[in-house]
Amino acid sequence: MTRLDDAFQSLIVAHTTWDVERILDRLGKNLDWVPLGNNPENYGLITIGSDPFNGITERITNAMDAMIELEVELKPELKKCPTPRAAVEAIYGFKEGNLRDSRDPDIGSLASNIKVRFLDG
């Protein structure tokens, strides 16, 4: 068995961060680290699954994006908007496409179109 095989077997049974750090220290500095999927920009993709609230927030954001994209498809003149915020202002009337200065009833009306369900299992 090679040194890497031994390290791999040790990593499989490691229980703590300290265990993993000790194994990596034994391997030395001559490791060639490659990002998962060979994608250096994958941090967001990896961490979204590490915190359940990240996934919920991402889905709500995706729902909002889908609502905006649907309106743009239904009203082709909106495709001329120079920015997504300009499109949001044209669609929903939110100044500069920002919820900050919007009235609660307007935000509530928009939010009523989004449903989030939590399922066990």
Foldseek 3Di string as FASTA:
>chain_A
DDLVVVLVVQVVPDDDPVSNVVSVVVVPDPDDDAPVVNDPPCPLVVCCVVDVVSVVVVVVVVVLVVVLVVVCVVPVVLVPQPDSQSSCCVPQVDVSNDCPPPDPVSVVVVCVVDDDDDDDD
